[in-house]
């Protein structure tokens, strides 16, 4: 059980010193970014060029402003002045339409790319090495896939819809202003290092506070999950008030870090706004002095000043947007860590067999890190056979089951189905013929019927009820408030352990498996109930082979053969005198 304060696996890689100093995230983060957006580089380049066109359209606007102030107004030429105004309006309307079209284009591109990343991450979860996944903090993995991709979605949209056009516009306006009055542009450029230095200082602060906020948010997420999943534990231990106080402290920490992050973003944006504003005032004074001295006409100065104001706005968007790039780098770093988690060595076979129910292990060894769990294990279960594997907790029984299901792969040796190695077989097809009832039955939020029929969406009502009868679940299901339509939660909190096991068993029996695996059934079911279930299944015309894994030695009374698992070795146990049938 993981509590909010327990140490969990750190899924975030160390950020190199240089990247940490700059504040833009680890190199692997941007390699991940390039993997998804790199294929669209030509489209993005075309978008960048198109985004610069509104800046180019500023040129005739500025020339028209100059014409208005140097010619139309001094000469009292009303027709020319109205024409200038109409032309400027027309240019703005065309620019607005073009901007909207570009916005729609880039939004579609970014949304489809983020959707592909999300789909790949979901697929990646199924590929993570089973041992790594069991040690990971599941809530944090969920937070990574959901929260960080959402942040990335927003920030990438900001990058391409705001920062990229701002960069292109800045370059175009800078070239225009240099053409109009290069000495003023050169003078303004001398102040650029101060603005960049201020931006560097504030974006480092933004990066630090974003990391702190995301850490506090993950603690809050884990705390809410803990309260919901361990509510019974908290109540039975009379620890409700203390747990509530602890989580309330997490909420206060989250509020504080959120406040600091918002302040850092505000500080970054406002300092850059103030710096560019001061630069604009300096340009106003310098340009005014040039008008007074006759170096520039008033129209030339107004055209230059309007262009400088637009450039100031574009640069401000760039400097403020750098904080978004910092936040995006942090989210990318987190997602890159998930993307880099070890992948389970998959079985790559494609052969589909008419599986009869014969599973075997041949000289199988398996280890977790430095701990050898199974040593030279040989095992067979034949069609229709009932076999027990007995061993103490921690002896490797669940590992053996995961090997049989193909979730884990042995370090050496072979796993076979009907004498065919798993490497040759389509395992997804094979698993449809293997039913597994783990000791902690899994449920999702939905009706009893939906939970039984999961994996068999086309199952009829009659088939669902028949499976429930085989598992001795039908009777208590009908006594539930809405029978088979009763909604149960993710952990089946409203049901007893035995009821959960019976529903899980019904789910496995619905598809009429050729092999049925029961993991520690006597933890939640009385041994006599297990015996009755096995006896009923044995009477079926297509009785599956059954593997019962338990630490309870009484289980040997209900099977044909049994094995003992101890110190990583599986040895046959003496055959029982008889197999109980009732």
Protein backbone atom coordinates (compact mmCIF):
# COMPACT_ATOMS: atom_id res chain seq x y z
CA UNK A 1 0.00 0.00 0.00
CA UNK A 2 1.35 3.43 -0.93
CA UNK A 3 0.49 6.37 1.29
CA UNK A 4 1.01 9.96 0.18
CA UNK A 5 4.14 10.27 2.32
CA UNK A 6 5.78 7.00 1.27
CA UNK A 7 8.76 7.30 -1.09
CA UNK A 8 7.83 6.43 -4.64
CA UNK A 9 9.79 5.69 -7.78
CA UNK A 10 11.22 8.91 -9.23
CA UNK A 11 10.10 8.93 -12.85
CA UNK A 12 11.80 12.24 -13.70
CA UNK A 13 15.36 11.99 -15.02
CA UNK A 14 18.10 14.22 -13.70
CA UNK A 15 18.30 17.46 -15.66
CA UNK A 16 21.83 18.26 -16.90
CA UNK A 17 23.41 21.28 -15.23
CA UNK A 18 23.52 23.36 -18.38
CA UNK A 19 19.86 22.70 -19.15
CA UNK A 20 18.91 23.41 -15.55
CA UNK A 21 20.75 26.72 -15.65
CA UNK A 22 18.99 27.76 -18.84
CA UNK A 23 15.69 26.46 -17.49
CA UNK A 24 14.34 24.88 -20.67
CA UNK A 25 14.38 21.20 -19.62
CA UNK A 26 16.51 18.19 -20.41
CA UNK A 27 17.76 17.36 -23.94
CA UNK A 28 15.68 14.17 -24.04
CA UNK A 29 12.60 16.34 -23.55
CA UNK A 30 13.25 18.23 -26.76
CA UNK A 31 14.16 15.04 -28.59
CA UNK A 32 10.66 13.84 -27.69
CA UNK A 33 9.26 17.13 -28.99
CA UNK A 34 11.21 16.75 -32.25
CA UNK A 35 9.95 13.18 -32.68
CA UNK A 36 6.35 14.35 -32.86
CA UNK A 37 6.66 17.80 -34.41
CA UNK A 38 9.73 17.13 -36.58
CA UNK A 39 7.70 15.42 -39.34
CA UNK A 40 5.67 18.65 -39.62
CA UNK A 41 8.71 20.93 -39.99
CA UNK A 42 7.87 21.87 -43.59
CA UNK A 43 4.30 22.70 -42.62
CA UNK A 44 5.55 24.69 -39.63
CA UNK A 45 8.05 26.54 -41.83
CA UNK A 46 5.25 27.42 -44.23
CA UNK A 47 3.18 28.57 -41.29
CA UNK A 48 6.07 30.71 -40.01
CA UNK A 49 6.38 32.41 -43.40
CA UNK A 50 2.63 32.94 -43.59
CA UNK A 51 2.59 34.27 -40.02
CA UNK A 52 5.11 36.92 -41.06
CA UNK A 53 2.81 38.22 -43.82
CA UNK A 54 0.72 40.38 -41.45
CA UNK A 55 3.98 42.10 -40.46
CA UNK A 56 4.74 42.68 -44.15
CA UNK A 57 1.25 44.14 -44.49
CA UNK A 58 2.28 46.72 -41.90
CA UNK A 59 4.55 48.32 -44.53
CA UNK A 60 1.73 49.80 -46.67
CA UNK A 61 -0.13 50.77 -43.48
CA UNK A 62 2.87 52.73 -42.23
CA UNK A 63 3.35 54.30 -45.65
CA UNK A 64 -0.33 55.29 -45.67
CA UNK A 65 0.03 56.83 -42.19
CA UNK A 66 3.03 58.78 -43.43
CA UNK A 67 1.00 59.93 -46.47
CA UNK A 68 -1.86 61.05 -44.24
CA UNK A 69 0.32 63.17 -41.92
CA UNK A 70 2.78 64.53 -44.50
CA UNK A 71 0.34 65.18 -47.37
CA UNK A 72 -3.40 64.72 -46.79
CA UNK A 73 -3.69 66.55 -43.46
CA UNK A 74 -1.32 69.49 -44.26
CA UNK A 75 -3.06 70.00 -47.62
CA UNK A 76 -6.57 69.55 -46.16
CA UNK A 77 -7.21 66.87 -48.80
CA UNK A 78 -10.35 65.19 -47.37
CA UNK A 79 -10.73 62.72 -50.22
CA UNK A 80 -7.14 61.52 -49.87
CA UNK A 81 -7.51 61.22 -46.11
CA UNK A 82 -10.72 59.16 -46.44
CA UNK A 83 -9.05 56.98 -49.07
CA UNK A 84 -6.09 56.41 -46.76
CA UNK A 85 -8.44 55.41 -43.93
CA UNK A 86 -10.44 53.05 -46.18
CA UNK A 87 -7.24 51.41 -47.45
CA UNK A 88 -5.98 50.84 -43.91
CA UNK A 89 -9.34 49.30 -42.90
CA UNK A 90 -9.28 46.98 -45.91
CA UNK A 91 -5.73 45.85 -45.10
CA UNK A 92 -6.74 45.15 -41.49
CA UNK A 93 -9.79 43.10 -42.55
CA UNK A 94 -7.74 41.00 -44.95
CA UNK A 95 -5.11 40.54 -42.22
CA UNK A 96 -7.74 39.44 -39.70
CA UNK A 97 -9.17 36.85 -42.10
CA UNK A 98 -5.68 35.54 -42.84
CA UNK A 99 -4.83 35.38 -39.12
CA UNK A 100 -7.99 33.38 -38.37
CA UNK A 101 -7.26 30.92 -41.17
CA UNK A 102 -3.70 30.46 -39.92
CA UNK A 103 -4.93 30.01 -36.37
CA UNK A 104 -7.34 27.27 -37.46
CA UNK A 105 -4.57 25.54 -39.41
CA UNK A 106 -2.04 25.51 -36.56
CA UNK A 107 -4.64 24.47 -33.97
CA UNK A 108 -5.60 21.45 -36.07
CA UNK A 109 -1.95 20.51 -36.53
CA UNK A 110 -1.06 20.79 -32.83
CA UNK A 111 -4.21 19.03 -31.60
CA UNK A 112 -3.74 16.09 -33.96
CA UNK A 113 -0.06 15.78 -32.97
CA UNK A 114 -0.82 15.89 -29.23
CA UNK A 115 -3.57 13.31 -29.81
CA UNK A 116 -0.99 11.01 -31.45
CA UNK A 117 1.37 11.51 -28.50
CA UNK A 118 -1.41 10.65 -26.04
CA UNK A 119 -2.33 7.54 -28.00
CA UNK A 120 1.32 6.46 -28.07
CA UNK A 121 1.66 7.03 -24.31
CA UNK A 122 -1.40 4.88 -23.63
CA UNK A 123 0.10 2.13 -25.78
CA UNK A 124 3.40 2.67 -23.96
CA UNK A 125 1.73 1.88 -20.63
CA UNK A 126 0.96 -1.61 -21.91
CA UNK A 127 4.59 -2.02 -22.99
CA UNK A 128 6.21 -1.05 -19.68
CA UNK A 129 8.11 -3.88 -18.10
CA UNK A 130 5.78 -5.58 -15.62
CA UNK A 131 8.27 -5.44 -12.74
CA UNK A 132 8.85 -1.72 -13.32
CA UNK A 133 5.13 -1.01 -13.39
CA UNK A 134 4.45 -2.76 -10.10
CA UNK A 135 7.07 -0.62 -8.39
CA UNK A 136 5.91 2.62 -9.93
CA UNK A 137 3.54 5.09 -8.35
CA UNK A 138 0.40 4.47 -10.40
CA UNK A 139 -1.15 7.81 -9.46
CA UNK A 140 1.93 9.61 -10.67
CA UNK A 141 1.86 7.73 -13.96
CA UNK A 142 -1.76 8.78 -14.40
CA UNK A 143 -0.84 12.37 -13.57
CA UNK A 144 1.91 12.30 -16.18
CA UNK A 145 -0.28 11.00 -18.96
CA UNK A 146 -3.27 13.22 -18.17
CA UNK A 147 -1.96 16.43 -16.61
CA UNK A 148 1.35 16.83 -18.43
CA UNK A 149 -0.12 16.17 -21.87
CA UNK A 150 -2.86 18.71 -21.10
CA UNK A 151 -0.24 21.28 -20.07
CA UNK A 152 1.72 20.43 -23.18
CA UNK A 153 -1.38 20.82 -25.34
CA UNK A 154 -1.97 24.34 -24.02
CA UNK A 155 1.68 25.36 -24.14
CA UNK A 156 2.39 24.01 -27.64
CA UNK A 157 -0.66 25.87 -28.89
CA UNK A 158 0.73 29.01 -27.26
CA UNK A 159 4.16 28.37 -28.80
CA UNK A 160 2.94 27.99 -32.37
CA UNK A 161 0.02 30.41 -32.22
CA UNK A 162 1.82 33.16 -30.31
CA UNK A 163 5.57 32.78 -30.07
CA UNK A 164 6.28 31.67 -33.64
CA UNK A 165 4.21 34.46 -35.26
CA UNK A 166 5.74 36.94 -32.80
CA UNK A 167 9.25 35.86 -33.79
CA UNK A 168 8.50 36.18 -37.50
CA UNK A 169 6.74 39.50 -36.99
CA UNK A 170 9.67 40.82 -34.93
CA UNK A 171 12.16 40.00 -37.68
CA UNK A 172 9.99 41.58 -40.37
CA UNK A 173 9.36 44.73 -38.32
CA UNK A 174 12.99 45.01 -37.36
CA UNK A 175 13.98 44.99 -41.04
CA UNK A 176 11.32 47.60 -41.81
CA UNK A 177 12.39 49.91 -38.99
CA UNK A 178 16.03 49.59 -40.00
CA UNK A 179 14.99 50.72 -43.47
CA UNK A 180 13.09 53.69 -42.05
CA UNK A 181 15.74 54.83 -39.56
CA UNK A 182 18.65 52.49 -38.84
CA UNK A 183 20.42 54.79 -36.31
CA UNK A 184 17.38 54.66 -33.98
CA UNK A 185 17.18 50.88 -34.37
CA UNK A 186 20.87 50.55 -33.53
CA UNK A 187 20.44 52.71 -30.44
CA UNK A 188 17.49 50.62 -29.30
CA UNK A 189 19.46 47.40 -29.89
CA UNK A 190 22.03 48.50 -27.31
CA UNK A 191 19.42 48.00 -24.60
CA UNK A 192 18.64 44.42 -25.70
CA UNK A 193 21.22 42.75 -23.42
CA UNK A 194 19.58 44.28 -20.35
CA UNK A 195 16.15 43.00 -21.42
CA UNK A 196 17.55 39.52 -22.13
CA UNK A 197 19.37 39.45 -18.79
CA UNK A 198 16.16 40.31 -16.96
CA UNK A 199 14.26 37.66 -18.91
CA UNK A 200 16.89 35.03 -18.08
CA UNK A 201 16.69 35.80 -14.35
CA UNK A 202 12.90 35.71 -14.20
CA UNK A 203 12.51 32.57 -16.35
CA UNK A 204 14.85 30.67 -14.00
CA UNK A 205 12.52 31.67 -11.19
CA UNK A 206 9.52 30.54 -13.27
CA UNK A 207 11.14 27.15 -13.93
CA UNK A 208 11.86 26.59 -10.23
CA UNK A 209 8.35 27.54 -9.14
CA UNK A 210 6.68 25.46 -11.87
CA UNK A 211 8.62 22.38 -10.67
CA UNK A 212 7.60 23.03 -7.05
CA UNK A 213 3.96 23.51 -8.05
CA UNK A 214 3.89 20.33 -10.13
CA UNK A 215 5.42 18.38 -7.23
CA UNK A 216 2.79 19.72 -4.84
CA UNK A 217 0.07 18.98 -7.37
CA UNK A 218 1.23 15.37 -7.61
CA UNK A 219 1.17 15.10 -3.79
CA UNK A 220 -2.38 16.46 -3.82
CA UNK A 221 -3.38 13.98 -6.53
CA UNK A 222 -1.90 11.08 -4.55
CA UNK A 223 -3.61 12.31 -1.37
CA UNK A 224 -7.06 12.40 -2.96
CA UNK A 225 -6.49 8.94 -4.42
CA UNK A 226 -5.36 7.64 -1.01
CA UNK A 227 -8.45 9.01 0.75
CA UNK A 228 -10.81 7.45 -1.81
CA UNK A 229 -9.05 4.07 -1.98
CA UNK A 230 -8.20 3.68 1.71
CA UNK A 231 -11.29 5.19 3.30
CA UNK A 232 -12.15 2.00 5.16
CA UNK A 233 -8.60 1.70 6.51
CA UNK A 234 -8.65 5.30 7.74
CA UNK A 235 -11.96 4.80 9.51
CA UNK A 236 -11.16 1.45 11.09
CA UNK A 237 -7.85 2.82 12.38
CA UNK A 238 -9.66 5.87 13.85
CA UNK A 239 -7.23 8.06 11.93
CA UNK A 240 -9.69 10.16 9.95
CA UNK A 241 -8.99 13.53 11.57
CA UNK A 242 -5.22 13.09 11.41
CA UNK A 243 -5.37 11.99 7.75
CA UNK A 244 -7.62 14.93 6.95
CA UNK A 245 -5.20 17.32 8.69
CA UNK A 246 -2.29 15.89 6.70
CA UNK A 247 -4.07 16.27 3.38
CA UNK A 248 -5.23 19.78 4.31
CA UNK A 249 -1.57 20.69 4.78
CA UNK A 250 -0.92 19.38 1.27
CA UNK A 251 -3.74 21.61 0.01
CA UNK A 252 -2.19 24.62 1.75
CA UNK A 253 1.21 23.80 0.25
CA UNK A 254 -0.41 23.55 -3.19
CA UNK A 255 -2.10 26.93 -2.74
CA UNK A 256 1.19 28.49 -1.64
CA UNK A 257 3.21 27.05 -4.52
CA UNK A 258 0.44 28.00 -6.96
CA UNK A 259 0.57 31.55 -5.63
CA UNK A 260 4.37 31.64 -6.03
CA UNK A 261 4.14 30.28 -9.57
CA UNK A 262 1.50 32.84 -10.55
CA UNK A 263 3.63 35.59 -9.01
CA UNK A 264 6.69 34.41 -10.96
CA UNK A 265 4.74 34.46 -14.23
CA UNK A 266 3.41 37.94 -13.38
CA UNK A 267 6.87 39.18 -12.41
CA UNK A 268 8.36 37.82 -15.63
CA UNK A 269 5.66 39.36 -17.81
CA UNK A 270 5.48 42.73 -16.09
CA UNK A 271 9.24 43.27 -15.89
CA UNK A 272 9.54 42.58 -19.62
CA UNK A 273 6.57 44.85 -20.27
CA UNK A 274 8.15 47.64 -18.23
CA UNK A 275 11.51 47.23 -19.98
CA UNK A 276 10.01 47.40 -23.46
CA UNK A 277 7.78 50.29 -22.36
CA UNK A 278 10.80 52.28 -21.18
CA UNK A 279 12.52 51.53 -24.48
CA UNK A 280 9.46 52.88 -26.30
CA UNK A 281 9.58 56.13 -24.32
CA UNK A 282 13.27 56.49 -25.15
CA UNK A 283 12.45 56.04 -28.83
CA UNK A 284 9.68 58.65 -28.54
CA UNK A 285 12.10 61.19 -27.06
CA UNK A 286 14.89 60.39 -29.54
CA UNK A 287 12.53 60.49 -32.52
CA UNK A 288 10.95 63.72 -31.29
CA UNK A 289 14.39 65.32 -31.13
CA UNK A 290 15.07 64.23 -34.72
CA UNK A 291 11.76 65.77 -35.88
CA UNK A 292 12.68 69.02 -34.09
CA UNK A 293 16.08 69.05 -35.76
CA UNK A 294 14.59 68.41 -39.22
CA UNK A 295 16.19 65.00 -39.70
CA UNK A 296 12.73 63.35 -39.90
CA UNK A 297 9.30 64.58 -40.94
CA UNK A 298 6.39 64.11 -38.56
CA UNK A 299 4.88 61.51 -40.88
CA UNK A 300 8.13 59.56 -41.02
CA UNK A 301 8.39 59.64 -37.25
CA UNK A 302 4.78 58.52 -36.73
CA UNK A 303 5.29 55.63 -39.17
CA UNK A 304 8.47 54.65 -37.35
CA UNK A 305 6.89 54.99 -33.92
CA UNK A 306 3.84 52.90 -34.86
CA UNK A 307 6.14 50.20 -36.26
CA UNK A 308 8.29 50.36 -33.12
CA UNK A 309 5.16 49.97 -30.98
CA UNK A 310 4.17 46.87 -32.93
CA UNK A 311 7.72 45.52 -32.62
CA UNK A 312 7.60 46.19 -28.88
CA UNK A 313 4.38 44.16 -28.63
CA UNK A 314 5.89 41.29 -30.62
CA UNK A 315 9.05 41.26 -28.48
CA UNK A 316 6.93 41.38 -25.33
CA UNK A 317 5.03 38.32 -26.57
CA UNK A 318 8.35 36.58 -27.10
CA UNK A 319 9.75 37.36 -23.66
CA UNK A 320 6.53 36.52 -21.86
CA UNK A 321 6.18 33.36 -23.94
CA UNK A 322 9.63 32.19 -22.84
CA UNK A 323 8.03 31.38 -19.47
CA UNK A 324 5.64 29.07 -21.32
CA UNK A 325 8.61 27.40 -23.02
CA UNK A 326 10.14 26.78 -19.57
CA UNK A 327 6.90 25.15 -18.36
CA UNK A 328 6.65 23.16 -21.59
CA UNK A 329 10.22 21.90 -21.15
CA UNK A 330 9.36 20.65 -17.66
CA UNK A 331 6.28 18.76 -18.87
CA UNK A 332 8.25 17.34 -21.80
CA UNK A 333 10.98 16.19 -19.40
CA UNK A 334 8.40 14.31 -17.35
CA UNK A 335 6.84 12.70 -20.43
CA UNK A 336 10.27 11.80 -21.79
CA UNK A 337 10.94 9.95 -18.52
CA UNK A 338 7.79 7.89 -19.02
CA UNK A 339 8.73 7.30 -22.65
CA UNK A 340 12.16 6.04 -21.53
CA UNK A 341 10.91 3.48 -19.00
CA UNK A 342 12.09 -0.08 -19.74
CA UNK A 343 9.98 -1.96 -22.27
CA UNK A 344 9.07 -5.56 -21.59
CA UNK A 345 10.68 -7.92 -24.04
CA UNK A 346 7.59 -8.82 -26.08
CA UNK A 347 6.68 -12.12 -27.61
CA UNK A 348 6.59 -11.46 -31.31
CA UNK A 349 4.83 -14.55 -32.61
CA UNK A 350 1.84 -14.44 -34.94
CA UNK A 351 0.68 -18.07 -35.04
CA UNK A 352 -2.84 -18.75 -33.79
CA UNK A 353 -3.58 -22.24 -32.53
CA UNK A 354 -6.74 -24.10 -31.60
CA UNK A 355 -5.64 -24.21 -27.97
CA UNK A 356 -6.65 -27.33 -26.05
CA UNK A 357 -5.53 -26.29 -22.57
CA UNK A 358 -2.01 -27.74 -22.26
CA UNK A 359 0.47 -25.28 -20.66
CA UNK A 360 4.10 -26.05 -19.81
CA UNK A 361 7.20 -24.48 -18.31
CA UNK A 362 10.57 -25.96 -19.29
CA UNK A 363 13.65 -25.19 -17.17
CA UNK A 364 12.42 -21.65 -16.46
CA UNK A 365 14.57 -19.18 -14.53
CA UNK A 366 13.35 -15.71 -13.55
CA UNK A 367 14.76 -12.86 -11.49
CA UNK A 368 13.80 -9.36 -10.32
CA UNK A 369 16.93 -7.19 -10.37
CA UNK A 370 19.42 -9.18 -8.25
CA UNK A 371 16.87 -11.52 -6.65
CA UNK A 372 16.44 -14.91 -8.32
CA UNK A 373 12.79 -15.92 -7.92
CA UNK A 374 12.47 -19.12 -9.98
CA UNK A 375 15.23 -21.68 -10.57
CA UNK A 376 14.89 -24.34 -13.25
CA UNK A 377 11.11 -24.69 -12.94
CA UNK A 378 9.35 -27.46 -14.89
CA UNK A 379 5.56 -27.53 -14.86
CA UNK A 380 2.69 -29.10 -16.83
CA UNK A 381 -1.06 -28.82 -16.77
CA UNK A 382 -3.04 -30.85 -19.29
CA UNK A 383 -6.54 -30.34 -20.70
CA UNK A 384 -9.20 -30.80 -18.00
CA UNK A 385 -6.64 -31.30 -15.21
CA UNK A 386 -6.92 -29.62 -11.80
CA UNK A 387 -3.47 -28.69 -10.48
CA UNK A 388 -2.45 -26.85 -7.31
CA UNK A 389 0.72 -24.87 -6.66
CA UNK A 390 1.31 -24.50 -2.93
CA UNK A 391 3.86 -22.15 -1.42
CA UNK A 392 4.33 -19.46 1.24
CA UNK A 393 3.77 -15.79 0.51
CA UNK A 394 6.64 -14.33 -1.50
CA UNK A 395 7.74 -17.68 -2.90
CA UNK A 396 7.11 -16.65 -6.53
CA UNK A 397 3.64 -18.09 -7.14
CA UNK A 398 2.25 -14.93 -8.75
CA UNK A 399 5.41 -14.59 -10.83
CA UNK A 400 4.86 -18.11 -12.13
CA UNK A 401 1.28 -17.23 -13.08
CA UNK A 402 2.42 -14.09 -14.89
CA UNK A 403 4.86 -16.22 -16.87
CA UNK A 404 2.07 -18.61 -17.85
CA UNK A 405 -0.10 -15.70 -19.00
CA UNK A 406 2.84 -14.20 -20.92
CA UNK A 407 2.90 -10.95 -18.97
CA UNK A 408 6.46 -11.74 -17.89
CA UNK A 409 9.16 -13.39 -19.93
CA UNK A 410 11.63 -15.86 -18.38
CA UNK A 411 15.29 -15.07 -18.03
CA UNK A 412 15.92 -18.49 -19.59
CA UNK A 413 13.85 -21.54 -20.44
CA UNK A 414 10.58 -21.81 -22.35
CA UNK A 415 6.86 -21.32 -21.83
CA UNK A 416 4.72 -23.47 -24.14
CA UNK A 417 1.07 -23.83 -25.12
CA UNK A 418 0.13 -27.16 -26.66
CA UNK A 419 3.91 -27.79 -26.95
CA UNK A 420 4.38 -24.61 -29.06
CA UNK A 421 6.80 -21.97 -27.65
CA UNK A 422 5.24 -18.63 -26.77
CA UNK A 423 7.75 -16.96 -29.13
CA UNK A 424 5.83 -18.46 -32.07
CA UNK A 425 2.33 -17.63 -30.85
CA UNK A 426 -0.04 -14.69 -31.07
CA UNK A 427 -0.30 -14.20 -27.31
CA UNK A 428 -3.31 -11.89 -27.40
CA UNK A 429 -5.25 -14.64 -29.19
CA UNK A 430 -3.94 -17.26 -26.74
CA UNK A 431 -4.94 -15.17 -23.69
CA UNK A 432 -8.54 -15.20 -24.87
CA UNK A 433 -8.48 -18.89 -23.95
CA UNK A 434 -6.96 -18.35 -20.50
CA UNK A 435 -9.10 -17.09 -17.62
CA UNK A 436 -7.32 -15.46 -14.67
CA UNK A 437 -8.84 -14.60 -11.29
CA UNK A 438 -6.25 -12.75 -9.25
CA UNK A 439 -6.51 -12.50 -5.46
CA UNK A 440 -7.18 -8.76 -5.78
CA UNK A 441 -10.02 -8.72 -8.28
CA UNK A 442 -10.05 -5.68 -10.57
CA UNK A 443 -13.25 -3.69 -11.15
CA UNK A 444 -14.12 -0.51 -12.99
CA UNK A 445 -16.92 1.97 -12.37
CA UNK A 446 -19.94 0.37 -14.01
CA UNK A 447 -22.70 -2.17 -13.54
CA UNK A 448 -22.19 -5.73 -12.36
CA UNK A 449 -23.23 -6.87 -15.82
CA UNK A 450 -20.64 -4.62 -17.53
CA UNK A 451 -17.90 -5.85 -15.20
CA UNK A 452 -18.71 -9.50 -15.93
CA UNK A 453 -18.93 -8.88 -19.68
CA UNK A 454 -15.70 -6.83 -19.90
CA UNK A 455 -13.71 -8.18 -22.84
CA UNK A 456 -16.84 -9.81 -24.30
CA UNK A 457 -18.99 -6.79 -25.28
CA UNK A 458 -21.29 -8.93 -27.41
CA UNK A 459 -22.16 -11.38 -24.62
CA UNK A 460 -25.86 -12.08 -24.23
CA UNK A 461 -27.80 -11.68 -20.99
CA UNK A 462 -28.21 -15.44 -20.83
CA UNK A 463 -24.46 -16.02 -21.13
CA UNK A 464 -23.71 -13.47 -18.37
CA UNK A 465 -26.21 -15.09 -16.01
CA UNK A 466 -24.95 -18.59 -16.84
CA UNK A 467 -21.37 -17.55 -15.98
CA UNK A 468 -22.58 -16.00 -12.72
CA UNK A 469 -24.36 -19.23 -11.81
CA UNK A 470 -21.21 -21.27 -12.42
CA UNK A 471 -19.32 -19.01 -9.99
CA UNK A 472 -22.17 -19.09 -7.42
CA UNK A 473 -22.60 -15.33 -7.85
CA UNK A 474 -26.09 -15.18 -9.39
CA UNK A 475 -27.94 -15.52 -6.10
CA UNK A 476 -26.28 -12.61 -4.28
CA UNK A 477 -26.24 -10.45 -7.44
CA UNK A 478 -30.03 -10.66 -7.65
CA UNK A 479 -30.24 -9.46 -4.05
CA UNK A 480 -28.31 -6.28 -4.84
CA UNK A 481 -30.39 -3.05 -5.08
CA UNK A 482 -30.57 -3.15 -8.89
CA UNK A 483 -29.45 -6.73 -9.50
CA UNK A 484 -27.14 -7.01 -12.48
CA UNK A 485 -27.62 -3.25 -13.10
CA UNK A 486 -26.14 -2.32 -9.72
CA UNK A 487 -23.23 0.07 -10.20
CA UNK A 488 -20.01 -0.87 -8.43
CA UNK A 489 -16.92 1.29 -8.02
CA UNK A 490 -13.35 0.82 -9.18
CA UNK A 491 -12.42 -1.28 -6.15
CA UNK A 492 -15.80 -2.94 -5.59
CA UNK A 493 -16.03 -1.26 -2.18
CA UNK A 494 -19.72 -2.08 -1.78
CA UNK A 495 -19.03 -5.83 -2.09
CA UNK A 496 -17.35 -8.32 0.20
CA UNK A 497 -14.09 -9.98 -0.79
CA UNK A 498 -15.88 -13.24 -1.57
CA UNK A 499 -18.49 -11.49 -3.71
CA UNK A 500 -15.74 -9.72 -5.63
CA UNK A 501 -14.00 -13.05 -6.26
CA UNK A 502 -17.18 -14.67 -7.56
CA UNK A 503 -17.90 -11.81 -9.97
CA UNK A 504 -14.30 -11.93 -11.19
CA UNK A 505 -14.63 -15.68 -11.66
CA UNK A 506 -17.84 -15.19 -13.64
CA UNK A 507 -15.96 -12.75 -15.89
CA UNK A 508 -13.32 -15.39 -16.63
CA UNK A 509 -15.86 -18.19 -17.16
CA UNK A 510 -17.96 -16.12 -19.57
CA UNK A 511 -15.53 -16.76 -22.41
CA UNK A 512 -15.32 -20.50 -21.65
CA UNK A 513 -11.53 -20.61 -21.23
CA UNK A 514 -9.44 -23.69 -21.89
CA UNK A 515 -7.33 -22.88 -18.81
CA UNK A 516 -8.58 -21.21 -15.63
CA UNK A 517 -6.09 -19.76 -13.13
CA UNK A 518 -7.22 -19.05 -9.56
CA UNK A 519 -4.79 -17.01 -7.48
CA UNK A 520 -5.26 -17.52 -3.71
CA UNK A 521 -9.03 -18.21 -3.91
CA UNK A 522 -9.25 -19.21 -0.23
CA UNK A 523 -8.22 -15.70 0.81
CA UNK A 524 -11.81 -14.58 0.16
CA UNK A 525 -13.76 -17.80 -0.34
CA UNK A 526 -14.30 -20.59 2.12
CA UNK A 527 -12.50 -23.79 1.12
CA UNK A 528 -15.84 -25.60 0.84
CA UNK A 529 -17.04 -22.97 -1.66
CA UNK A 530 -13.88 -23.44 -3.72
CA UNK A 531 -14.52 -27.20 -3.68
CA UNK A 532 -18.11 -26.70 -4.89
CA UNK A 533 -16.99 -24.41 -7.71
CA UNK A 534 -14.34 -26.89 -8.84
CA UNK A 535 -16.82 -29.74 -8.68
CA UNK A 536 -19.35 -27.84 -10.83
CA UNK A 537 -16.70 -26.92 -13.38
CA UNK A 538 -15.50 -30.52 -13.53
CA UNK A 539 -18.97 -31.61 -14.67
CA UNK A 540 -18.91 -29.29 -17.70
CA UNK A 541 -18.54 -30.93 -21.07
CA UNK A 542 -15.73 -28.48 -21.89
CA UNK A 543 -14.20 -28.40 -18.43
CA UNK A 544 -11.10 -26.15 -18.44
CA UNK A 545 -7.75 -27.11 -17.03
CA UNK A 546 -7.55 -25.38 -13.65
CA UNK A 547 -4.45 -24.07 -11.89
CA UNK A 548 -5.04 -23.13 -8.26
CA UNK A 549 -2.28 -21.13 -6.58
CA UNK A 550 -2.46 -20.90 -2.81
CA UNK A 551 -0.54 -20.82 0.45
CA UNK A 552 -3.37 -22.96 1.94
CA UNK A 553 -2.32 -26.65 1.96
CA UNK A 554 -5.98 -27.74 2.16
CA UNK A 555 -6.34 -26.92 -1.52
CA UNK A 556 -4.58 -30.19 -2.44
CA UNK A 557 -7.76 -32.04 -1.42
CA UNK A 558 -9.63 -30.61 -4.40
CA UNK A 559 -7.16 -31.20 -7.27
CA UNK A 560 -5.64 -34.05 -9.26
CA UNK A 561 -1.99 -33.07 -8.76
CA UNK A 562 -0.11 -30.54 -6.66
CA UNK A 563 3.30 -28.90 -6.51
CA UNK A 564 5.25 -27.17 -3.77
CA UNK A 565 7.09 -23.93 -4.60
CA UNK A 566 9.87 -23.03 -2.20
CA UNK A 567 13.23 -21.28 -2.63
CA UNK A 568 12.47 -20.81 -6.31
CA UNK A 569 12.08 -24.52 -7.02
CA UNK A 570 8.88 -26.36 -7.95
CA UNK A 571 8.61 -29.95 -6.74
CA UNK A 572 5.75 -32.45 -7.10
CA UNK A 573 3.79 -33.06 -3.90
CA UNK A 574 2.42 -36.48 -2.88
CA UNK A 575 -0.83 -37.21 -4.67
CA UNK A 576 -4.00 -36.82 -2.54
CA UNK A 577 -5.98 -39.94 -1.76
CA UNK A 578 -9.07 -38.55 -3.45
CA UNK A 579 -10.38 -35.44 -5.09
CA UNK A 580 -13.24 -33.80 -3.22
CA UNK A 581 -16.28 -33.14 -5.31
CA UNK A 582 -18.65 -31.57 -2.83
